[in-house]
Amino acid sequence: VQLQASGGGLVQAGGSLRLSCAASERAFSSTAMGWFRRPPGLEREFVATISWNGGVTYYADSVKGRFTISRDNAKNTVYLQMNSLKPEDTAVYYCAARRKFASSRFEFEYDYWGQGTQVTVSS
């Protein structure tokens, strides 16, 4: 599975962005998906995950209530709607796929990774 993330950019604090991650194959509909991010100078961290059918989602405490993960299996795409952005949300955001139905917040459980898209939030 190849993953292509897009939608990053520069936004002021309080603004919104929507990230998209397009998968290359129809098997996408049977994979759980996740979003992770790497802030400047820090380790990559979990952001959000969604099960194969969108029925189960989990979020990092730092984004809960501000970010929403969703998916459209007909388009082989997963989204991350980011609202009320803060400077501390600045990071490279990565989408990932795992060949399991269940979602996961652990990096090592993912099989495929996208190339990352930069999100910069100015104060």
PDB file of N, CA and C in Angstrom:
ATOM      1  N   VAL A   1       0.852  -1.187   0.000  1.00  0.00           N
ATOM      2  CA  VAL A   1       0.000   0.000   0.000  1.00  0.00           C
ATOM      3  C   VAL A   1       0.890   1.241   0.000  1.00  0.00           C
ATOM      4  N   GLN A   2       0.630   2.110  -0.931  1.00  0.00           N
ATOM      5  CA  GLN A   2       1.324   3.403  -0.933  1.00  0.00           C
ATOM      6  C   GLN A   2       0.368   4.468  -0.416  1.00  0.00           C
ATOM      7  N   LEU A   3       0.903   5.355   0.424  1.00  0.00           N
ATOM      8  CA  LEU A   3       0.095   6.383   1.050  1.00  0.00           C
ATOM      9  C   LEU A   3       0.635   7.751   0.664  1.00  0.00           C
ATOM     10  N   GLN A   4      -0.261   8.642   0.290  1.00  0.00           N
ATOM     11  CA  GLN A   4       0.125   9.991  -0.104  1.00  0.00           C
ATOM     12  C   GLN A   4      -0.633  10.985   0.760  1.00  0.00           C
ATOM     13  N   ALA A   5       0.101  11.654   1.644  1.00  0.00           N
ATOM     14  CA  ALA A   5      -0.503  12.651   2.528  1.00  0.00           C
ATOM     15  C   ALA A   5      -0.425  14.031   1.891  1.00  0.00           C
ATOM     16  N   SER A   6      -1.440  14.839   2.151  1.00  0.00           N
ATOM     17  CA  SER A   6      -1.473  16.201   1.621  1.00  0.00           C
ATOM     18  C   SER A   6      -2.321  17.068   2.526  1.00  0.00           C
ATOM     19  N   GLY A   7      -2.280  18.379   2.274  1.00  0.00           N
ATOM     20  CA  GLY A   7      -3.128  19.297   3.004  1.00  0.00           C
ATOM     21  C   GLY A   7      -2.425  20.130   4.056  1.00  0.00           C
ATOM     22  N   GLY A   8      -1.154  19.875   4.267  1.00  0.00           N
ATOM     23  CA  GLY A   8      -0.426  20.660   5.248  1.00  0.00           C
ATOM     24  C   GLY A   8      -0.205  22.086   4.767  1.00  0.00           C
ATOM     25  N   GLY A   9       0.293  22.923   5.677  1.00  0.00           N
ATOM     26  CA  GLY A   9       0.562  24.305   5.308  1.00  0.00           C
ATOM     27  C   GLY A   9       0.806  25.157   6.528  1.00  0.00           C
ATOM     28  N   LEU A  10       0.787  26.455   6.307  1.00  0.00           N
ATOM     29  CA  LEU A  10       0.989  27.442   7.358  1.00  0.00           C
ATOM     30  C   LEU A  10      -0.356  28.060   7.720  1.00  0.00           C
ATOM     31  N   VAL A  11      -0.662  28.084   9.011  1.00  0.00           N
ATOM     32  CA  VAL A  11      -1.939  28.621   9.474  1.00  0.00           C
ATOM     33  C   VAL A  11      -1.706  29.358  10.784  1.00  0.00           C
ATOM     34  N   GLN A  12      -2.526  30.357  11.047  1.00  0.00           N
ATOM     35  CA  GLN A  12      -2.430  31.074  12.315  1.00  0.00           C
ATOM     36  C   GLN A  12      -3.093  30.276  13.428  1.00  0.00           C
ATOM     37  N   ALA A  13      -2.656  30.524  14.626  1.00  0.00           N
ATOM     38  CA  ALA A  13      -3.271  29.869  15.780  1.00  0.00           C
ATOM     39  C   ALA A  13      -4.770  30.155  15.791  1.00  0.00           C
ATOM     40  N   GLY A  14      -5.532  29.099  16.114  1.00  0.00           N
ATOM     41  CA  GLY A  14      -6.989  29.203  16.077  1.00  0.00           C
ATOM     42  C   GLY A  14      -7.599  28.794  14.765  1.00  0.00           C
ATOM     43  N   GLY A  15      -6.772  28.634  13.752  1.00  0.00           N
ATOM     44  CA  GLY A  15      -7.265  28.268  12.430  1.00  0.00           C
ATOM     45  C   GLY A  15      -7.466  26.769  12.279  1.00  0.00           C
ATOM     46  N   SER A  16      -7.796  26.385  11.050  1.00  0.00           N
ATOM     47  CA  SER A  16      -8.100  24.987  10.751  1.00  0.00           C
ATOM     48  C   SER A  16      -7.369  24.529   9.495  1.00  0.00           C
ATOM     49  N   LEU A  17      -7.115  23.234   9.457  1.00  0.00           N
ATOM     50  CA  LEU A  17      -6.584  22.574   8.267  1.00  0.00           C
ATOM     51  C   LEU A  17      -7.222  21.197   8.188  1.00  0.00           C
ATOM     52  N   ARG A  18      -7.316  20.668   6.974  1.00  0.00           N
ATOM     53  CA  ARG A  18      -7.741  19.290   6.807  1.00  0.00           C
ATOM     54  C   ARG A  18      -6.674  18.533   6.022  1.00  0.00           C
ATOM     55  N   LEU A  19      -6.132  17.525   6.665  1.00  0.00           N
ATOM     56  CA  LEU A  19      -5.163  16.667   6.009  1.00  0.00           C
ATOM     57  C   LEU A  19      -5.890  15.500   5.334  1.00  0.00           C
ATOM     58  N   SER A  20      -5.347  15.072   4.218  1.00  0.00           N
ATOM     59  CA  SER A  20      -5.871  13.907   3.510  1.00  0.00           C
ATOM     60  C   SER A  20      -4.758  12.904   3.302  1.00  0.00           C
ATOM     61  N   CYS A  21      -5.121  11.646   3.260  1.00  0.00           N
ATOM     62  CA  CYS A  21      -4.150  10.578   2.996  1.00  0.00           C
ATOM     63  C   CYS A  21      -4.824   9.603   2.038  1.00  0.00           C
ATOM     64  N   ALA A  22      -4.327   9.557   0.814  1.00  0.00           N
ATOM     65  CA  ALA A  22      -4.890   8.685  -0.202  1.00  0.00           C
ATOM     66  C   ALA A  22      -4.078   7.398  -0.301  1.00  0.00           C
ATOM     67  N   ALA A  23      -4.766   6.275  -0.311  1.00  0.00           N
ATOM     68  CA  ALA A  23      -4.105   4.970  -0.413  1.00  0.00           C
ATOM     69  C   ALA A  23      -4.193   4.460  -1.841  1.00  0.00           C
ATOM     70  N   SER A  24      -3.244   3.629  -2.184  1.00  0.00           N
ATOM     71  CA  SER A  24      -3.088   3.216  -3.583  1.00  0.00           C
ATOM     72  C   SER A  24      -3.910   2.015  -3.995  1.00  0.00           C
ATOM     73  N   GLU A  25      -4.555   1.339  -3.046  1.00  0.00           N
ATOM     74  CA  GLU A  25      -5.221   0.121  -3.453  1.00  0.00           C
ATOM     75  C   GLU A  25      -6.551  -0.074  -2.742  1.00  0.00           C
ATOM     76  N   ARG A  26      -7.373  -0.948  -3.309  1.00  0.00           N
ATOM     77  CA  ARG A  26      -8.705  -1.179  -2.780  1.00  0.00           C
ATOM     78  C   ARG A  26      -8.669  -1.868  -1.437  1.00  0.00           C
ATOM     79  N   ALA A  27      -7.551  -2.536  -1.104  1.00  0.00           N
ATOM     80  CA  ALA A  27      -7.434  -3.197   0.205  1.00  0.00           C
ATOM     81  C   ALA A  27      -7.518  -2.198   1.344  1.00  0.00           C
ATOM     82  N   PHE A  28      -7.445  -0.919   1.017  1.00  0.00           N
ATOM     83  CA  PHE A  28      -7.569   0.133   2.025  1.00  0.00           C
ATOM     84  C   PHE A  28      -8.789  -0.075   2.906  1.00  0.00           C
ATOM     85  N   SER A  29      -9.872  -0.555   2.348  1.00  0.00           N
ATOM     86  CA  SER A  29     -11.124  -0.657   3.102  1.00  0.00           C
ATOM     87  C   SER A  29     -11.053  -1.689   4.225  1.00  0.00           C
ATOM     88  N   SER A  30     -10.035  -2.541   4.229  1.00  0.00           N
ATOM     89  CA  SER A  30      -9.889  -3.531   5.295  1.00  0.00           C
ATOM     90  C   SER A  30      -8.728  -3.200   6.224  1.00  0.00           C
ATOM     91  N   THR A  31      -8.206  -1.990   6.136  1.00  0.00           N
ATOM     92  CA  THR A  31      -7.075  -1.593   6.975  1.00  0.00           C
ATOM     93  C   THR A  31      -7.485  -0.503   7.956  1.00  0.00           C
ATOM     94  N   ALA A  32      -6.954  -0.606   9.165  1.00  0.00           N
ATOM     95  CA  ALA A  32      -7.070   0.495  10.110  1.00  0.00           C
ATOM     96  C   ALA A  32      -6.035   1.553   9.744  1.00  0.00           C
ATOM     97  N   MET A  33      -6.331   2.789  10.074  1.00  0.00           N
ATOM     98  CA  MET A  33      -5.453   3.898   9.700  1.00  0.00           C
ATOM     99  C   MET A  33      -5.118   4.754  10.909  1.00  0.00           C
ATOM    100  N   GLY A  34      -3.997   5.423  10.827  1.00  0.00           N
ATOM    101  CA  GLY A  34      -3.607   6.301  11.914  1.00  0.00           C
ATOM    102  C   GLY A  34      -2.904   7.545  11.403  1.00  0.00           C
ATOM    103  N   TRP A  35      -2.928   8.568  12.227  1.00  0.00           N
ATOM    104  CA  TRP A  35      -2.141   9.777  11.999  1.00  0.00           C
ATOM    105  C   TRP A  35      -1.161   9.922  13.159  1.00  0.00           C
ATOM    106  N   PHE A  36       0.071  10.227  12.824  1.00  0.00           N
ATOM    107  CA  PHE A  36       1.118  10.495  13.797  1.00  0.00           C
ATOM    108  C   PHE A  36       1.779  11.814  13.412  1.00  0.00           C
ATOM    109  N   ARG A  37       2.553  12.377  14.338  1.00  0.00           N
ATOM    110  CA  ARG A  37       3.254  13.618  14.010  1.00  0.00           C
ATOM    111  C   ARG A  37       4.601  13.653  14.708  1.00  0.00           C
ATOM    112  N   ARG A  38       5.528  14.390  14.080  1.00  0.00           N
ATOM    113  CA  ARG A  38       6.854  14.584  14.655  1.00  0.00           C
ATOM    114  C   ARG A  38       7.078  16.076  14.832  1.00  0.00           C
ATOM    115  N   PRO A  39       6.942  16.581  16.060  1.00  0.00           N
ATOM    116  CA  PRO A  39       7.235  18.003  16.299  1.00  0.00           C
ATOM    117  C   PRO A  39       8.734  18.277  16.123  1.00  0.00           C
ATOM    118  N   PRO A  40       9.118  19.493  15.893  1.00  0.00           N
ATOM    119  CA  PRO A  40      10.538  19.810  15.695  1.00  0.00           C
ATOM    120  C   PRO A  40      11.392  19.352  16.876  1.00  0.00           C
ATOM    121  N   GLY A  41      12.406  18.556  16.600  1.00  0.00           N
ATOM    122  CA  GLY A  41      13.337  18.119  17.632  1.00  0.00           C
ATOM    123  C   GLY A  41      12.817  17.046  18.571  1.00  0.00           C
ATOM    124  N   LEU A  42      11.640  16.507  18.278  1.00  0.00           N
ATOM    125  CA  LEU A  42      11.056  15.527  19.181  1.00  0.00           C
ATOM    126  C   LEU A  42      10.775  14.216  18.455  1.00  0.00           C
ATOM    127  N   GLU A  43      10.399  13.195  19.223  1.00  0.00           N
ATOM    128  CA  GLU A  43      10.057  11.911  18.649  1.00  0.00           C
ATOM    129  C   GLU A  43       8.666  11.963  18.020  1.00  0.00           C
ATOM    130  N   ARG A  44       8.459  11.053  17.112  1.00  0.00           N
ATOM    131  CA  ARG A  44       7.135  10.939  16.503  1.00  0.00           C
ATOM    132  C   ARG A  44       6.136  10.467  17.559  1.00  0.00           C
ATOM    133  N   GLU A  45       4.918  11.014  17.482  1.00  0.00           N
ATOM    134  CA  GLU A  45       3.907  10.692  18.490  1.00  0.00           C
ATOM    135  C   GLU A  45       2.558  10.407  17.845  1.00  0.00           C
ATOM    136  N   PHE A  46       1.764   9.675  18.561  1.00  0.00           N
ATOM    137  CA  PHE A  46       0.430   9.312  18.104  1.00  0.00           C
ATOM    138  C   PHE A  46      -0.490  10.525  18.125  1.00  0.00           C
ATOM    139  N   VAL A  47      -1.378  10.617  17.109  1.00  0.00           N
ATOM    140  CA  VAL A  47      -2.363  11.683  17.054  1.00  0.00           C
ATOM    141  C   VAL A  47      -3.783  11.103  17.084  1.00  0.00           C
ATOM    142  N   ALA A  48      -4.083  10.220  16.123  1.00  0.00           N
ATOM    143  CA  ALA A  48      -5.446   9.689  16.018  1.00  0.00           C
ATOM    144  C   ALA A  48      -5.418   8.400  15.213  1.00  0.00           C
ATOM    145  N   THR A  49      -6.424   7.555  15.440  1.00  0.00           N
ATOM    146  CA  THR A  49      -6.533   6.314  14.701  1.00  0.00           C
ATOM    147  C   THR A  49      -7.998   5.985  14.474  1.00  0.00           C
ATOM    148  N   ILE A  50      -8.253   5.223  13.404  1.00  0.00           N
ATOM    149  CA  ILE A  50      -9.615   4.861  13.039  1.00  0.00           C
ATOM    150  C   ILE A  50      -9.632   3.426  12.547  1.00  0.00           C
ATOM    151  N   SER A  51     -10.661   2.684  12.930  1.00  0.00           N
ATOM    152  CA  SER A  51     -10.781   1.296  12.513  1.00  0.00           C
ATOM    153  C   SER A  51     -11.181   1.195  11.048  1.00  0.00           C
ATOM    154  N   TRP A  52     -11.212  -0.019  10.525  1.00  0.00           N
ATOM    155  CA  TRP A  52     -11.402  -0.235   9.099  1.00  0.00           C
ATOM    156  C   TRP A  52     -12.711   0.345   8.565  1.00  0.00           C
ATOM    157  N   ASN A  53     -13.747   0.352   9.394  1.00  0.00           N
ATOM    158  CA  ASN A  53     -15.052   0.837   8.933  1.00  0.00           C
ATOM    159  C   ASN A  53     -15.420   2.187   9.536  1.00  0.00           C
ATOM    160  N   GLY A  54     -14.483   2.782  10.258  1.00  0.00           N
ATOM    161  CA  GLY A  54     -14.754   4.090  10.852  1.00  0.00           C
ATOM    162  C   GLY A  54     -15.529   4.022  12.149  1.00  0.00           C
ATOM    163  N   GLY A  55     -15.814   2.826  12.625  1.00  0.00           N
ATOM    164  CA  GLY A  55     -16.654   2.698  13.795  1.00  0.00           C
ATOM    165  C   GLY A  55     -15.969   3.010  15.110  1.00  0.00           C
ATOM    166  N   VAL A  56     -14.659   2.910  15.127  1.00  0.00           N
ATOM    167  CA  VAL A  56     -13.913   3.154  16.365  1.00  0.00           C
ATOM    168  C   VAL A  56     -12.798   4.160  16.078  1.00  0.00           C
ATOM    169  N   THR A  57     -12.707   5.168  16.915  1.00  0.00           N
ATOM    170  CA  THR A  57     -11.641   6.160  16.808  1.00  0.00           C
ATOM    171  C   THR A  57     -11.036   6.412  18.179  1.00  0.00           C
ATOM    172  N   TYR A  58      -9.752   6.754  18.178  1.00  0.00           N
ATOM    173  CA  TYR A  58      -9.051   7.146  19.403  1.00  0.00           C
ATOM    174  C   TYR A  58      -8.203   8.371  19.089  1.00  0.00           C
ATOM    175  N   TYR A  59      -8.017   9.194  20.114  1.00  0.00           N
ATOM    176  CA  TYR A  59      -7.244  10.414  19.949  1.00  0.00           C
ATOM    177  C   TYR A  59      -6.246  10.569  21.084  1.00  0.00           C
ATOM    178  N   ALA A  60      -5.151  11.224  20.773  1.00  0.00           N
ATOM    179  CA  ALA A  60      -4.242  11.656  21.830  1.00  0.00           C
ATOM    180  C   ALA A  60      -4.951  12.717  22.664  1.00  0.00           C
ATOM    181  N   ASP A  61      -4.646  12.755  23.942  1.00  0.00           N
ATOM    182  CA  ASP A  61      -5.295  13.721  24.828  1.00  0.00           C
ATOM    183  C   ASP A  61      -5.050  15.156  24.354  1.00  0.00           C
ATOM    184  N   SER A  62      -3.902  15.395  23.762  1.00  0.00           N
ATOM    185  CA  SER A  62      -3.536  16.747  23.357  1.00  0.00           C
ATOM    186  C   SER A  62      -4.386  17.286  22.209  1.00  0.00           C
ATOM    187  N   VAL A  63      -5.058  16.396  21.466  1.00  0.00           N
ATOM    188  CA  VAL A  63      -5.857  16.851  20.325  1.00  0.00           C
ATOM    189  C   VAL A  63      -7.338  16.546  20.483  1.00  0.00           C
ATOM    190  N   LYS A  64      -7.691  15.831  21.515  1.00  0.00           N
ATOM    191  CA  LYS A  64      -9.083  15.435  21.721  1.00  0.00           C
ATOM    192  C   LYS A  64      -9.984  16.664  21.795  1.00  0.00           C
ATOM    193  N   GLY A  65     -11.082  16.609  21.044  1.00  0.00           N
ATOM    194  CA  GLY A  65     -12.006  17.737  21.017  1.00  0.00           C
ATOM    195  C   GLY A  65     -11.671  18.781  19.977  1.00  0.00           C
ATOM    196  N   ARG A  66     -10.477  18.710  19.394  1.00  0.00           N
ATOM    197  CA  ARG A  66     -10.070  19.675  18.355  1.00  0.00           C
ATOM    198  C   ARG A  66      -9.881  19.002  16.997  1.00  0.00           C
ATOM    199  N   PHE A  67      -9.402  17.770  17.008  1.00  0.00           N
ATOM    200  CA  PHE A  67      -9.135  17.034  15.770  1.00  0.00           C
ATOM    201  C   PHE A  67     -10.176  15.933  15.585  1.00  0.00           C
ATOM    202  N   THR A  68     -10.484  15.654  14.321  1.00  0.00           N
ATOM    203  CA  THR A  68     -11.413  14.576  13.990  1.00  0.00           C
ATOM    204  C   THR A  68     -10.846  13.746  12.853  1.00  0.00           C
ATOM    205  N   ILE A  69     -10.734  12.449  13.084  1.00  0.00           N
ATOM    206  CA  ILE A  69     -10.294  11.537  12.041  1.00  0.00           C
ATOM    207  C   ILE A  69     -11.523  10.893  11.404  1.00  0.00           C
ATOM    208  N   SER A  70     -11.480  10.741  10.091  1.00  0.00           N
ATOM    209  CA  SER A  70     -12.585  10.111   9.381  1.00  0.00           C
ATOM    210  C   SER A  70     -12.019   9.427   8.135  1.00  0.00           C
ATOM    211  N   ARG A  71     -12.860   8.649   7.481  1.00  0.00           N
ATOM    212  CA  ARG A  71     -12.391   7.955   6.285  1.00  0.00           C
ATOM    213  C   ARG A  71     -13.529   7.791   5.294  1.00  0.00           C
ATOM    214  N   ASP A  72     -13.147   7.700   4.027  1.00  0.00           N
ATOM    215  CA  ASP A  72     -14.083   7.432   2.948  1.00  0.00           C
ATOM    216  C   ASP A  72     -13.518   6.241   2.178  1.00  0.00           C
ATOM    217  N   ASN A  73     -14.036   5.066   2.440  1.00  0.00           N
ATOM    218  CA  ASN A  73     -13.472   3.862   1.820  1.00  0.00           C
ATOM    219  C   ASN A  73     -13.734   3.821   0.316  1.00  0.00           C
ATOM    220  N   ALA A  74     -14.762   4.494  -0.139  1.00  0.00           N
ATOM    221  CA  ALA A  74     -15.025   4.541  -1.579  1.00  0.00           C
ATOM    222  C   ALA A  74     -13.939   5.324  -2.312  1.00  0.00           C
ATOM    223  N   LYS A  75     -13.286   6.240  -1.593  1.00  0.00           N
ATOM    224  CA  LYS A  75     -12.218   7.060  -2.178  1.00  0.00           C
ATOM    225  C   LYS A  75     -10.839   6.634  -1.704  1.00  0.00           C
ATOM    226  N   ASN A  76     -10.764   5.562  -0.898  1.00  0.00           N
ATOM    227  CA  ASN A  76      -9.468   5.100  -0.370  1.00  0.00           C
ATOM    228  C   ASN A  76      -8.730   6.230   0.343  1.00  0.00           C
ATOM    229  N   THR A  77      -9.438   7.020   1.124  1.00  0.00           N
ATOM    230  CA  THR A  77      -8.848   8.205   1.728  1.00  0.00           C
ATOM    231  C   THR A  77      -9.235   8.319   3.196  1.00  0.00           C
ATOM    232  N   VAL A  78      -8.274   8.727   3.997  1.00  0.00           N
ATOM    233  CA  VAL A  78      -8.513   9.050   5.398  1.00  0.00           C
ATOM    234  C   VAL A  78      -8.209  10.531   5.595  1.00  0.00           C
ATOM    235  N   TYR A  79      -8.946  11.161   6.488  1.00  0.00           N
ATOM    236  CA  TYR A  79      -8.822  12.599   6.712  1.00  0.00           C
ATOM    237  C   TYR A  79      -8.494  12.883   8.175  1.00  0.00           C
ATOM    238  N   LEU A  80      -7.891  14.033   8.389  1.00  0.00           N
ATOM    239  CA  LEU A  80      -7.706  14.553   9.736  1.00  0.00           C
ATOM    240  C   LEU A  80      -8.113  16.013   9.704  1.00  0.00           C
ATOM    241  N   GLN A  81      -9.283  16.301  10.263  1.00  0.00           N
ATOM    242  CA  GLN A  81      -9.743  17.682  10.377  1.00  0.00           C
ATOM    243  C   GLN A  81      -9.172  18.261  11.661  1.00  0.00           C
ATOM    244  N   MET A  82      -8.423  19.348  11.516  1.00  0.00           N
ATOM    245  CA  MET A  82      -7.749  19.958  12.659  1.00  0.00           C
ATOM    246  C   MET A  82      -8.303  21.353  12.865  1.00  0.00           C
ATOM    247  N   ASN A  83      -8.955  21.562  13.980  1.00  0.00           N
ATOM    248  CA  ASN A  83      -9.525  22.859  14.332  1.00  0.00           C
ATOM    249  C   ASN A  83      -8.833  23.430  15.558  1.00  0.00           C
ATOM    250  N   SER A  84      -9.041  24.711  15.782  1.00  0.00           N
ATOM    251  CA  SER A  84      -8.460  25.389  16.954  1.00  0.00           C
ATOM    252  C   SER A  84      -6.967  25.073  17.084  1.00  0.00           C
ATOM    253  N   LEU A  85      -6.262  25.194  16.002  1.00  0.00           N
ATOM    254  CA  LEU A  85      -4.849  24.827  15.993  1.00  0.00           C
ATOM    255  C   LEU A  85      -4.026  25.723  16.910  1.00  0.00           C
ATOM    256  N   LYS A  86      -3.016  25.110  17.503  1.00  0.00           N
ATOM    257  CA  LYS A  86      -2.116  25.781  18.434  1.00  0.00           C
ATOM    258  C   LYS A  86      -0.690  25.693  17.895  1.00  0.00           C
ATOM    259  N   PRO A  87       0.182  26.605  18.313  1.00  0.00           N
ATOM    260  CA  PRO A  87       1.583  26.518  17.869  1.00  0.00           C
ATOM    261  C   PRO A  87       2.211  25.162  18.189  1.00  0.00           C
ATOM    262  N   GLU A  88       1.808  24.539  19.288  1.00  0.00           N
ATOM    263  CA  GLU A  88       2.375  23.244  19.649  1.00  0.00           C
ATOM    264  C   GLU A  88       1.902  22.108  18.752  1.00  0.00           C
ATOM    265  N   ASP A  89       0.965  22.378  17.847  1.00  0.00           N
ATOM    266  CA  ASP A  89       0.569  21.391  16.848  1.00  0.00           C
ATOM    267  C   ASP A  89       1.527  21.375  15.651  1.00  0.00           C
ATOM    268  N   THR A  90       2.454  22.311  15.617  1.00  0.00           N
ATOM    269  CA  THR A  90       3.431  22.351  14.533  1.00  0.00           C
ATOM    270  C   THR A  90       4.239  21.059  14.500  1.00  0.00           C
ATOM    271  N   ALA A  91       4.245  20.417  13.339  1.00  0.00           N
ATOM    272  CA  ALA A  91       4.909  19.114  13.204  1.00  0.00           C
ATOM    273  C   ALA A  91       4.811  18.648  11.763  1.00  0.00           C
ATOM    274  N   VAL A  92       5.568  17.606  11.459  1.00  0.00           N
ATOM    275  CA  VAL A  92       5.335  16.856  10.231  1.00  0.00           C
ATOM    276  C   VAL A  92       4.328  15.767  10.568  1.00  0.00           C
ATOM    277  N   TYR A  93       3.259  15.713   9.814  1.00  0.00           N
ATOM    278  CA  TYR A  93       2.181  14.760  10.070  1.00  0.00           C
ATOM    279  C   TYR A  93       2.282  13.601   9.092  1.00  0.00           C
ATOM    280  N   TYR A  94       2.183  12.392   9.628  1.00  0.00           N
ATOM    281  CA  TYR A  94       2.297  11.170   8.835  1.00  0.00           C
ATOM    282  C   TYR A  94       1.018  10.351   8.951  1.00  0.00           C
ATOM    283  N   CYS A  95       0.577   9.795   7.840  1.00  0.00           N
ATOM    284  CA  CYS A  95      -0.490   8.805   7.909  1.00  0.00           C
ATOM    285  C   CYS A  95       0.133   7.419   7.800  1.00  0.00           C
ATOM    286  N   ALA A  96      -0.554   6.455   8.374  1.00  0.00           N
ATOM    287  CA  ALA A  96      -0.054   5.092   8.394  1.00  0.00           C
ATOM    288  C   ALA A  96      -1.217   4.118   8.274  1.00  0.00           C
ATOM    289  N   ALA A  97      -0.910   2.925   7.754  1.00  0.00           N
ATOM    290  CA  ALA A  97      -1.925   1.887   7.572  1.00  0.00           C
ATOM    291  C   ALA A  97      -1.447   0.584   8.184  1.00  0.00           C
ATOM    292  N   ARG A  98      -2.363  -0.155   8.757  1.00  0.00           N
ATOM    293  CA  ARG A  98      -2.026  -1.484   9.281  1.00  0.00           C
ATOM    294  C   ARG A  98      -3.032  -2.487   8.727  1.00  0.00           C
ATOM    295  N   ARG A  99      -2.539  -3.669   8.394  1.00  0.00           N
ATOM    296  CA  ARG A  99      -3.385  -4.699   7.776  1.00  0.00           C
ATOM    297  C   ARG A  99      -4.169  -5.453   8.840  1.00  0.00           C
ATOM    298  N   LYS A 100      -4.886  -4.702   9.619  1.00  0.00           N
ATOM    299  CA  LYS A 100      -5.787  -5.226  10.629  1.00  0.00           C
ATOM    300  C   LYS A 100      -7.033  -4.362  10.628  1.00  0.00           C
ATOM    301  N   PHE A 101      -8.152  -4.930  11.089  1.00  0.00           N
ATOM    302  CA  PHE A 101      -9.380  -4.156  11.175  1.00  0.00           C
ATOM    303  C   PHE A 101      -9.337  -3.149  12.328  1.00  0.00           C
ATOM    304  N   ALA A 102      -8.671  -3.541  13.406  1.00  0.00           N
ATOM    305  CA  ALA A 102      -8.709  -2.734  14.623  1.00  0.00           C
ATOM    306  C   ALA A 102      -7.712  -1.597  14.570  1.00  0.00           C
ATOM    307  N   SER A 103      -8.088  -0.472  15.131  1.00  0.00           N
ATOM    308  CA  SER A 103      -7.211   0.684  15.205  1.00  0.00           C
ATOM    309  C   SER A 103      -6.143   0.463  16.266  1.00  0.00           C
ATOM    310  N   SER A 104      -5.106   1.278  16.209  1.00  0.00           N
ATOM    311  CA  SER A 104      -4.010   1.176  17.165  1.00  0.00           C
ATOM    312  C   SER A 104      -3.345   2.522  17.330  1.00  0.00           C
ATOM    313  N   ARG A 105      -2.848   2.786  18.537  1.00  0.00           N
ATOM    314  CA  ARG A 105      -2.108   4.009  18.788  1.00  0.00           C
ATOM    315  C   ARG A 105      -0.601   3.771  18.827  1.00  0.00           C
ATOM    316  N   PHE A 106      -0.173   2.560  18.474  1.00  0.00           N
ATOM    317  CA  PHE A 106       1.239   2.197  18.559  1.00  0.00           C
ATOM    318  C   PHE A 106       1.894   2.144  17.180  1.00  0.00           C
ATOM    319  N   GLU A 107       2.976   2.888  17.016  1.00  0.00           N
ATOM    320  CA  GLU A 107       3.668   2.962  15.735  1.00  0.00           C
ATOM    321  C   GLU A 107       4.073   1.589  15.215  1.00  0.00           C
ATOM    322  N   PHE A 108       4.575   0.730  16.091  1.00  0.00           N
ATOM    323  CA  PHE A 108       5.132  -0.541  15.635  1.00  0.00           C
ATOM    324  C   PHE A 108       4.066  -1.474  15.060  1.00  0.00           C
ATOM    325  N   GLU A 109       2.803  -1.145  15.247  1.00  0.00           N
ATOM    326  CA  GLU A 109       1.728  -1.988  14.725  1.00  0.00           C
ATOM    327  C   GLU A 109       1.285  -1.577  13.334  1.00  0.00           C
ATOM    328  N   TYR A 110       1.937  -0.572  12.765  1.00  0.00           N
ATOM    329  CA  TYR A 110       1.583  -0.113  11.429  1.00  0.00           C
ATOM    330  C   TYR A 110       2.558  -0.668  10.401  1.00  0.00           C
ATOM    331  N   ASP A 111       2.019  -1.017   9.233  1.00  0.00           N
ATOM    332  CA  ASP A 111       2.806  -1.668   8.198  1.00  0.00           C
ATOM    333  C   ASP A 111       3.282  -0.713   7.103  1.00  0.00           C
ATOM    334  N   TYR A 112       2.539   0.339   6.867  1.00  0.00           N
ATOM    335  CA  TYR A 112       2.854   1.257   5.768  1.00  0.00           C
ATOM    336  C   TYR A 112       2.763   2.698   6.263  1.00  0.00           C
ATOM    337  N   TRP A 113       3.647   3.540   5.703  1.00  0.00           N
ATOM    338  CA  TRP A 113       3.703   4.939   6.105  1.00  0.00           C
ATOM    339  C   TRP A 113       3.731   5.845   4.887  1.00  0.00           C
ATOM    340  N   GLY A 114       3.071   6.995   5.017  1.00  0.00           N
ATOM    341  CA  GLY A 114       3.158   8.026   3.998  1.00  0.00           C
ATOM    342  C   GLY A 114       4.402   8.867   4.199  1.00  0.00           C
ATOM    343  N   GLN A 115       4.617   9.827   3.323  1.00  0.00           N
ATOM    344  CA  GLN A 115       5.851  10.600   3.325  1.00  0.00           C
ATOM    345  C   GLN A 115       5.828  11.773   4.286  1.00  0.00           C
ATOM    346  N   GLY A 116       4.687  12.140   4.816  1.00  0.00           N
ATOM    347  CA  GLY A 116       4.610  13.255   5.751  1.00  0.00           C
ATOM    348  C   GLY A 116       4.237  14.555   5.074  1.00  0.00           C
ATOM    349  N   THR A 117       3.507  15.385   5.797  1.00  0.00           N
ATOM    350  CA  THR A 117       3.146  16.714   5.314  1.00  0.00           C
ATOM    351  C   THR A 117       3.340  17.695   6.467  1.00  0.00           C
ATOM    352  N   GLN A 118       3.941  18.836   6.164  1.00  0.00           N
ATOM    353  CA  GLN A 118       4.312  19.801   7.193  1.00  0.00           C
ATOM    354  C   GLN A 118       3.116  20.666   7.566  1.00  0.00           C
ATOM    355  N   VAL A 119       2.885  20.791   8.862  1.00  0.00           N
ATOM    356  CA  VAL A 119       1.892  21.717   9.399  1.00  0.00           C
ATOM    357  C   VAL A 119       2.614  22.694  10.312  1.00  0.00           C
ATOM    358  N   THR A 120       2.459  23.976  10.032  1.00  0.00           N
ATOM    359  CA  THR A 120       3.084  25.016  10.839  1.00  0.00           C
ATOM    360  C   THR A 120       2.003  25.964  11.330  1.00  0.00           C
ATOM    361  N   VAL A 121       1.937  26.131  12.650  1.00  0.00           N
ATOM    362  CA  VAL A 121       0.939  27.009  13.259  1.00  0.00           C
ATOM    363  C   VAL A 121       1.671  28.189  13.882  1.00  0.00           C
ATOM    364  N   SER A 122       1.379  29.370  13.399  1.00  0.00           N
ATOM    365  CA  SER A 122       2.035  30.570  13.905  1.00  0.00           C
ATOM    366  C   SER A 122       1.208  31.192  15.031  1.00  0.00           C
ATOM    367  N   SER A 123       1.904  31.814  15.964  1.00  0.00           N
ATOM    368  CA  SER A 123       1.217  32.409  17.116  1.00  0.00           C
ATOM    369  C   SER A 123       0.811  33.841  16.837  1.00  0.00           C
TER     370      SER A 123
END
